[in-house]
Amino acid sequence: MADARDEALRAHDTQEAQSAQDARDAETKARKEREKEELYGLDISGVEWHGAPGTEAHEERVEIAYLPDGAVAMRSSLDPDTVLRYTEAEWRAFVLGARDGEFDLEPAPHNGGLPAE
């Protein structure tokens, strides 16, 4: 009898934990959607765009602009009307990944790639 009661309590606790996790997940998703809406709602017509040092304005290059709250906008100089926007957290994750070689054309052995032959 006690075993059945203990099992029922464990099942109830598991359901409560899952419900709490589902609520946190929904809250996180809603927050991220709000952040994106706010980010893409910003007027960026007057921002200052920066290219990599040593590149010229007429060259093909990636340009970034710093936005409020640590956000960043990124575009190609060949298609300046198409702008991607990143929250501060997204940009930090991208920069850290780039520093770690995550986006190298030939992945380095330390991050799961095979050495070039």
N, C-alpha and C. Protein backbone atom coordinates (compact mmCIF):
# COMPACT_ATOMS: atom_id res chain seq x y z
N MET A 1 0.82 -1.20 0.00
CA MET A 1 0.00 0.00 0.00
C MET A 1 0.86 1.26 0.00
N ALA A 2 1.90 1.25 0.85
CA ALA A 2 2.79 2.40 0.91
C ALA A 2 3.53 2.58 -0.41
N ASP A 3 3.89 1.46 -1.05
CA ASP A 3 4.60 1.55 -2.33
C ASP A 3 3.74 2.24 -3.38
N ALA A 4 2.48 1.90 -3.44
CA ALA A 4 1.58 2.51 -4.42
C ALA A 4 1.42 4.00 -4.14
N ARG A 5 1.32 4.35 -2.85
CA ARG A 5 1.17 5.76 -2.49
C ARG A 5 2.45 6.53 -2.84
N ASP A 6 3.61 5.94 -2.53
CA ASP A 6 4.88 6.58 -2.87
C ASP A 6 5.02 6.77 -4.38
N GLU A 7 4.61 5.76 -5.12
CA GLU A 7 4.68 5.83 -6.58
C GLU A 7 3.75 6.94 -7.10
N ALA A 8 2.57 7.04 -6.52
CA ALA A 8 1.62 8.08 -6.93
C ALA A 8 2.17 9.46 -6.61
N LEU A 9 2.82 9.60 -5.45
CA LEU A 9 3.42 10.89 -5.08
C LEU A 9 4.56 11.25 -6.03
N ARG A 10 5.39 10.26 -6.37
CA ARG A 10 6.50 10.52 -7.31
C ARG A 10 5.95 10.93 -8.67
N ALA A 11 4.90 10.27 -9.13
CA ALA A 11 4.30 10.62 -10.42
C ALA A 11 3.74 12.04 -10.37
N HIS A 12 3.10 12.39 -9.27
CA HIS A 12 2.55 13.73 -9.12
C HIS A 12 3.66 14.77 -9.11
N ASP A 13 4.74 14.50 -8.37
CA ASP A 13 5.89 15.41 -8.32
C ASP A 13 6.52 15.58 -9.69
N THR A 14 6.60 14.48 -10.44
CA THR A 14 7.17 14.53 -11.78
C THR A 14 6.30 15.39 -12.69
N GLN A 15 4.98 15.21 -12.59
CA GLN A 15 4.05 16.02 -13.39
C GLN A 15 4.17 17.50 -13.03
N GLU A 16 4.27 17.80 -11.73
CA GLU A 16 4.41 19.19 -11.30
C GLU A 16 5.71 19.78 -11.82
N ALA A 17 6.79 19.01 -11.74
CA ALA A 17 8.08 19.49 -12.23
C ALA A 17 8.02 19.74 -13.73
N GLN A 18 7.38 18.85 -14.47
CA GLN A 18 7.27 19.02 -15.92
C GLN A 18 6.41 20.24 -16.24
N SER A 19 5.32 20.42 -15.50
CA SER A 19 4.45 21.58 -15.72
C SER A 19 5.21 22.87 -15.44
N ALA A 20 6.01 22.88 -14.38
CA ALA A 20 6.80 24.06 -14.06
C ALA A 20 7.83 24.33 -15.15
N GLN A 21 8.47 23.28 -15.66
CA GLN A 21 9.44 23.44 -16.74
C GLN A 21 8.76 23.95 -18.01
N ASP A 22 7.59 23.40 -18.32
CA ASP A 22 6.84 23.86 -19.49
C ASP A 22 6.49 25.35 -19.36
N ALA A 23 6.11 25.78 -18.16
CA ALA A 23 5.77 27.19 -17.94
C ALA A 23 7.01 28.06 -18.12
N ARG A 24 8.16 27.61 -17.60
CA ARG A 24 9.41 28.37 -17.77
C ARG A 24 9.79 28.45 -19.24
N ASP A 25 9.65 27.34 -19.96
CA ASP A 25 9.97 27.31 -21.39
C ASP A 25 9.07 28.28 -22.16
N ALA A 26 7.79 28.29 -21.85
CA ALA A 26 6.84 29.18 -22.53
C ALA A 26 7.18 30.64 -22.22
N GLU A 27 7.54 30.91 -20.98
CA GLU A 27 7.91 32.27 -20.57
C GLU A 27 9.18 32.72 -21.29
N THR A 28 10.16 31.83 -21.39
CA THR A 28 11.41 32.15 -22.09
C THR A 28 11.14 32.41 -23.56
N LYS A 29 10.33 31.58 -24.18
CA LYS A 29 10.01 31.76 -25.60
C LYS A 29 9.30 33.09 -25.82
N ALA A 30 8.35 33.42 -24.97
CA ALA A 30 7.62 34.68 -25.10
C ALA A 30 8.55 35.87 -24.91
N ARG A 31 9.48 35.78 -23.96
CA ARG A 31 10.45 36.86 -23.73
C ARG A 31 11.33 37.06 -24.94
N LYS A 32 11.81 35.95 -25.52
CA LYS A 32 12.67 36.05 -26.70
C LYS A 32 11.92 36.64 -27.89
N GLU A 33 10.65 36.28 -28.05
CA GLU A 33 9.84 36.84 -29.13
C GLU A 33 9.65 38.34 -28.93
N ARG A 34 9.42 38.77 -27.68
CA ARG A 34 9.29 40.20 -27.39
C ARG A 34 10.59 40.93 -27.70
N GLU A 35 11.73 40.33 -27.31
CA GLU A 35 13.03 40.95 -27.58
C GLU A 35 13.23 41.13 -29.08
N LYS A 36 12.89 40.11 -29.86
CA LYS A 36 13.05 40.19 -31.32
C LYS A 36 12.14 41.27 -31.90
N GLU A 37 10.90 41.32 -31.44
CA GLU A 37 9.98 42.35 -31.93
C GLU A 37 10.52 43.74 -31.63
N GLU A 38 11.02 43.95 -30.42
CA GLU A 38 11.59 45.24 -30.04
C GLU A 38 12.83 45.54 -30.88
N LEU A 39 13.67 44.54 -31.06
CA LEU A 39 14.90 44.71 -31.81
C LEU A 39 14.63 45.09 -33.25
N TYR A 40 13.70 44.38 -33.89
CA TYR A 40 13.39 44.68 -35.29
C TYR A 40 12.50 45.91 -35.42
N GLY A 41 11.95 46.40 -34.32
CA GLY A 41 11.16 47.62 -34.34
C GLY A 41 12.00 48.88 -34.24
N LEU A 42 13.28 48.73 -33.90
CA LEU A 42 14.17 49.89 -33.77
C LEU A 42 14.41 50.55 -35.13
N ASP A 43 14.40 51.87 -35.13
CA ASP A 43 14.77 52.62 -36.34
C ASP A 43 16.29 52.67 -36.40
N ILE A 44 16.86 52.03 -37.39
CA ILE A 44 18.32 52.00 -37.50
C ILE A 44 18.82 52.83 -38.69
N SER A 45 17.97 53.72 -39.18
CA SER A 45 18.34 54.50 -40.36
C SER A 45 19.55 55.39 -40.12
N GLY A 46 19.81 55.78 -38.90
CA GLY A 46 20.94 56.68 -38.64
C GLY A 46 22.14 56.03 -37.97
N VAL A 47 22.17 54.71 -37.92
CA VAL A 47 23.29 54.06 -37.22
C VAL A 47 24.57 54.16 -38.04
N GLU A 48 25.68 54.06 -37.35
CA GLU A 48 26.99 54.09 -38.00
C GLU A 48 27.44 52.65 -38.26
N TRP A 49 27.68 52.33 -39.52
CA TRP A 49 28.09 50.99 -39.91
C TRP A 49 29.61 50.90 -39.92
N HIS A 50 30.13 49.76 -39.45
CA HIS A 50 31.58 49.54 -39.37
C HIS A 50 31.94 48.30 -40.16
N GLY A 51 32.98 48.41 -40.98
CA GLY A 51 33.52 47.26 -41.69
C GLY A 51 34.81 46.83 -41.01
N ALA A 52 35.37 45.74 -41.46
CA ALA A 52 36.63 45.26 -40.90
C ALA A 52 37.73 46.28 -41.16
N PRO A 53 38.64 46.47 -40.20
CA PRO A 53 39.74 47.40 -40.42
C PRO A 53 40.52 47.02 -41.68
N GLY A 54 40.90 48.03 -42.45
CA GLY A 54 41.68 47.79 -43.65
C GLY A 54 40.84 47.55 -44.90
N THR A 55 39.51 47.53 -44.76
CA THR A 55 38.66 47.36 -45.94
C THR A 55 38.13 48.72 -46.37
N GLU A 56 37.84 48.83 -47.62
CA GLU A 56 37.31 50.08 -48.17
C GLU A 56 35.79 49.98 -48.34
N ALA A 57 35.13 51.12 -48.35
CA ALA A 57 33.67 51.15 -48.45
C ALA A 57 33.16 50.50 -49.73
N HIS A 58 33.92 50.55 -50.81
CA HIS A 58 33.46 49.98 -52.08
C HIS A 58 33.72 48.47 -52.19
N GLU A 59 34.45 47.90 -51.23
CA GLU A 59 34.75 46.46 -51.26
C GLU A 59 33.59 45.65 -50.70
N GLU A 60 33.51 44.40 -51.13
CA GLU A 60 32.53 43.48 -50.54
C GLU A 60 32.99 43.18 -49.12
N ARG A 61 32.12 43.42 -48.16
CA ARG A 61 32.49 43.19 -46.76
C ARG A 61 31.25 43.06 -45.90
N VAL A 62 31.43 42.51 -44.73
CA VAL A 62 30.37 42.45 -43.72
C VAL A 62 30.50 43.71 -42.88
N GLU A 63 29.37 44.34 -42.60
CA GLU A 63 29.36 45.55 -41.79
C GLU A 63 28.48 45.32 -40.57
N ILE A 64 28.88 45.91 -39.45
CA ILE A 64 28.07 45.81 -38.24
C ILE A 64 27.79 47.21 -37.70
N ALA A 65 26.70 47.31 -36.96
CA ALA A 65 26.33 48.56 -36.28
C ALA A 65 25.92 48.19 -34.86
N TYR A 66 26.36 48.99 -33.92
CA TYR A 66 26.02 48.76 -32.52
C TYR A 66 24.69 49.44 -32.21
N LEU A 67 23.79 48.70 -31.61
CA LEU A 67 22.45 49.17 -31.29
C LEU A 67 22.29 49.30 -29.78
N PRO A 68 21.21 49.91 -29.31
CA PRO A 68 20.98 50.03 -27.86
C PRO A 68 20.94 48.66 -27.17
N ASP A 69 21.26 48.67 -25.90
CA ASP A 69 21.20 47.48 -25.04
C ASP A 69 22.15 46.38 -25.48
N GLY A 70 23.24 46.73 -26.16
CA GLY A 70 24.23 45.74 -26.55
C GLY A 70 23.89 44.95 -27.79
N ALA A 71 22.77 45.25 -28.42
CA ALA A 71 22.38 44.54 -29.64
C ALA A 71 23.27 44.96 -30.80
N VAL A 72 23.29 44.15 -31.84
CA VAL A 72 24.13 44.41 -33.01
C VAL A 72 23.33 44.13 -34.27
N ALA A 73 23.53 44.98 -35.28
CA ALA A 73 22.95 44.75 -36.60
C ALA A 73 24.09 44.38 -37.54
N MET A 74 23.82 43.50 -38.49
CA MET A 74 24.85 43.05 -39.43
C MET A 74 24.25 43.02 -40.83
N ARG A 75 25.07 43.42 -41.81
CA ARG A 75 24.62 43.40 -43.20
C ARG A 75 25.82 43.18 -44.11
N SER A 76 25.53 42.86 -45.35
CA SER A 76 26.54 42.76 -46.39
C SER A 76 26.59 44.09 -47.12
N SER A 77 27.80 44.54 -47.46
CA SER A 77 27.91 45.79 -48.21
C SER A 77 27.28 45.66 -49.60
N LEU A 78 27.14 44.43 -50.09
CA LEU A 78 26.52 44.21 -51.40
C LEU A 78 25.00 44.28 -51.35
N ASP A 79 24.43 44.11 -50.16
CA ASP A 79 22.98 44.13 -50.00
C ASP A 79 22.64 44.87 -48.70
N PRO A 80 22.88 46.18 -48.67
CA PRO A 80 22.73 46.93 -47.42
C PRO A 80 21.30 47.03 -46.89
N ASP A 81 20.31 46.71 -47.71
CA ASP A 81 18.92 46.78 -47.25
C ASP A 81 18.50 45.55 -46.45
N THR A 82 19.26 44.46 -46.56
CA THR A 82 18.96 43.26 -45.80
C THR A 82 19.82 43.28 -44.54
N VAL A 83 19.18 43.44 -43.41
CA VAL A 83 19.89 43.60 -42.14
C VAL A 83 19.44 42.53 -41.16
N LEU A 84 20.40 41.85 -40.59
CA LEU A 84 20.13 40.89 -39.52
C LEU A 84 20.40 41.59 -38.20
N ARG A 85 19.60 41.29 -37.20
CA ARG A 85 19.77 41.93 -35.89
C ARG A 85 19.90 40.85 -34.83
N TYR A 86 20.80 41.10 -33.88
CA TYR A 86 21.08 40.12 -32.84
C TYR A 86 21.01 40.78 -31.47
N THR A 87 20.44 40.08 -30.52
CA THR A 87 20.47 40.55 -29.14
C THR A 87 21.90 40.45 -28.64
N GLU A 88 22.16 41.08 -27.51
CA GLU A 88 23.50 41.02 -26.94
C GLU A 88 23.92 39.57 -26.67
N ALA A 89 23.02 38.77 -26.13
CA ALA A 89 23.34 37.37 -25.84
C ALA A 89 23.66 36.59 -27.11
N GLU A 90 22.87 36.81 -28.17
CA GLU A 90 23.12 36.12 -29.44
C GLU A 90 24.47 36.54 -30.02
N TRP A 91 24.76 37.85 -29.96
CA TRP A 91 26.03 38.34 -30.51
C TRP A 91 27.22 37.78 -29.74
N ARG A 92 27.11 37.77 -28.41
CA ARG A 92 28.20 37.22 -27.60
C ARG A 92 28.44 35.75 -27.94
N ALA A 93 27.36 34.98 -28.09
CA ALA A 93 27.50 33.56 -28.44
C ALA A 93 28.17 33.41 -29.80
N PHE A 94 27.80 34.25 -30.76
CA PHE A 94 28.41 34.20 -32.09
C PHE A 94 29.90 34.53 -32.02
N VAL A 95 30.24 35.61 -31.33
CA VAL A 95 31.65 36.03 -31.24
C VAL A 95 32.48 34.96 -30.55
N LEU A 96 31.97 34.41 -29.47
CA LEU A 96 32.71 33.35 -28.77
C LEU A 96 32.89 32.12 -29.67
N GLY A 97 31.85 31.77 -30.41
CA GLY A 97 31.96 30.65 -31.35
C GLY A 97 32.97 30.91 -32.44
N ALA A 98 32.98 32.14 -32.95
CA ALA A 98 33.94 32.50 -34.00
C ALA A 98 35.36 32.43 -33.46
N ARG A 99 35.57 32.93 -32.26
CA ARG A 99 36.90 32.88 -31.64
C ARG A 99 37.37 31.44 -31.43
N ASP A 100 36.41 30.56 -31.20
CA ASP A 100 36.74 29.15 -30.94
C ASP A 100 36.88 28.35 -32.23
N GLY A 101 36.69 29.00 -33.38
CA GLY A 101 36.83 28.30 -34.65
C GLY A 101 35.59 27.57 -35.11
N GLU A 102 34.48 27.82 -34.46
CA GLU A 102 33.23 27.12 -34.75
C GLU A 102 32.76 27.32 -36.20
N PHE A 103 33.12 28.45 -36.79
CA PHE A 103 32.63 28.78 -38.13
C PHE A 103 33.73 28.73 -39.18
N ASP A 104 34.88 28.20 -38.83
CA ASP A 104 35.97 28.09 -39.79
C ASP A 104 35.53 27.22 -40.97
N LEU A 105 36.00 27.56 -42.15
CA LEU A 105 35.64 26.78 -43.32
C LEU A 105 36.19 25.37 -43.23
N GLU A 106 37.35 25.22 -42.62
CA GLU A 106 37.91 23.89 -42.34
C GLU A 106 37.94 23.76 -40.83
N PRO A 107 36.96 23.08 -40.23
CA PRO A 107 36.89 22.99 -38.77
C PRO A 107 38.18 22.44 -38.17
N ALA A 108 38.59 23.06 -37.09
CA ALA A 108 39.80 22.65 -36.39
C ALA A 108 39.54 21.38 -35.58
N PRO A 109 40.58 20.56 -35.37
CA PRO A 109 40.41 19.31 -34.62
C PRO A 109 39.85 19.52 -33.21
N HIS A 110 40.18 20.64 -32.56
CA HIS A 110 39.73 20.84 -31.18
C HIS A 110 38.22 21.02 -31.06
N ASN A 111 37.53 21.33 -32.15
CA ASN A 111 36.08 21.48 -32.04
C ASN A 111 35.33 20.49 -32.93
N GLY A 112 35.92 19.32 -33.11
CA GLY A 112 35.23 18.24 -33.79
C GLY A 112 35.55 18.07 -35.25
N GLY A 113 36.36 18.97 -35.80
CA GLY A 113 36.73 18.86 -37.20
C GLY A 113 37.92 17.94 -37.41
N LEU A 114 38.15 17.61 -38.63
CA LEU A 114 39.30 16.78 -38.97
C LEU A 114 40.41 17.67 -39.49
N PRO A 115 41.66 17.35 -39.18
CA PRO A 115 42.76 18.17 -39.68
C PRO A 115 42.81 18.12 -41.20
N ALA A 116 43.16 19.26 -41.81
CA ALA A 116 43.31 19.32 -43.26
C ALA A 116 44.51 18.48 -43.67
N GLU A 117 44.38 17.76 -44.78
CA GLU A 117 45.48 16.91 -45.23
C GLU A 117 46.24 17.59 -46.32
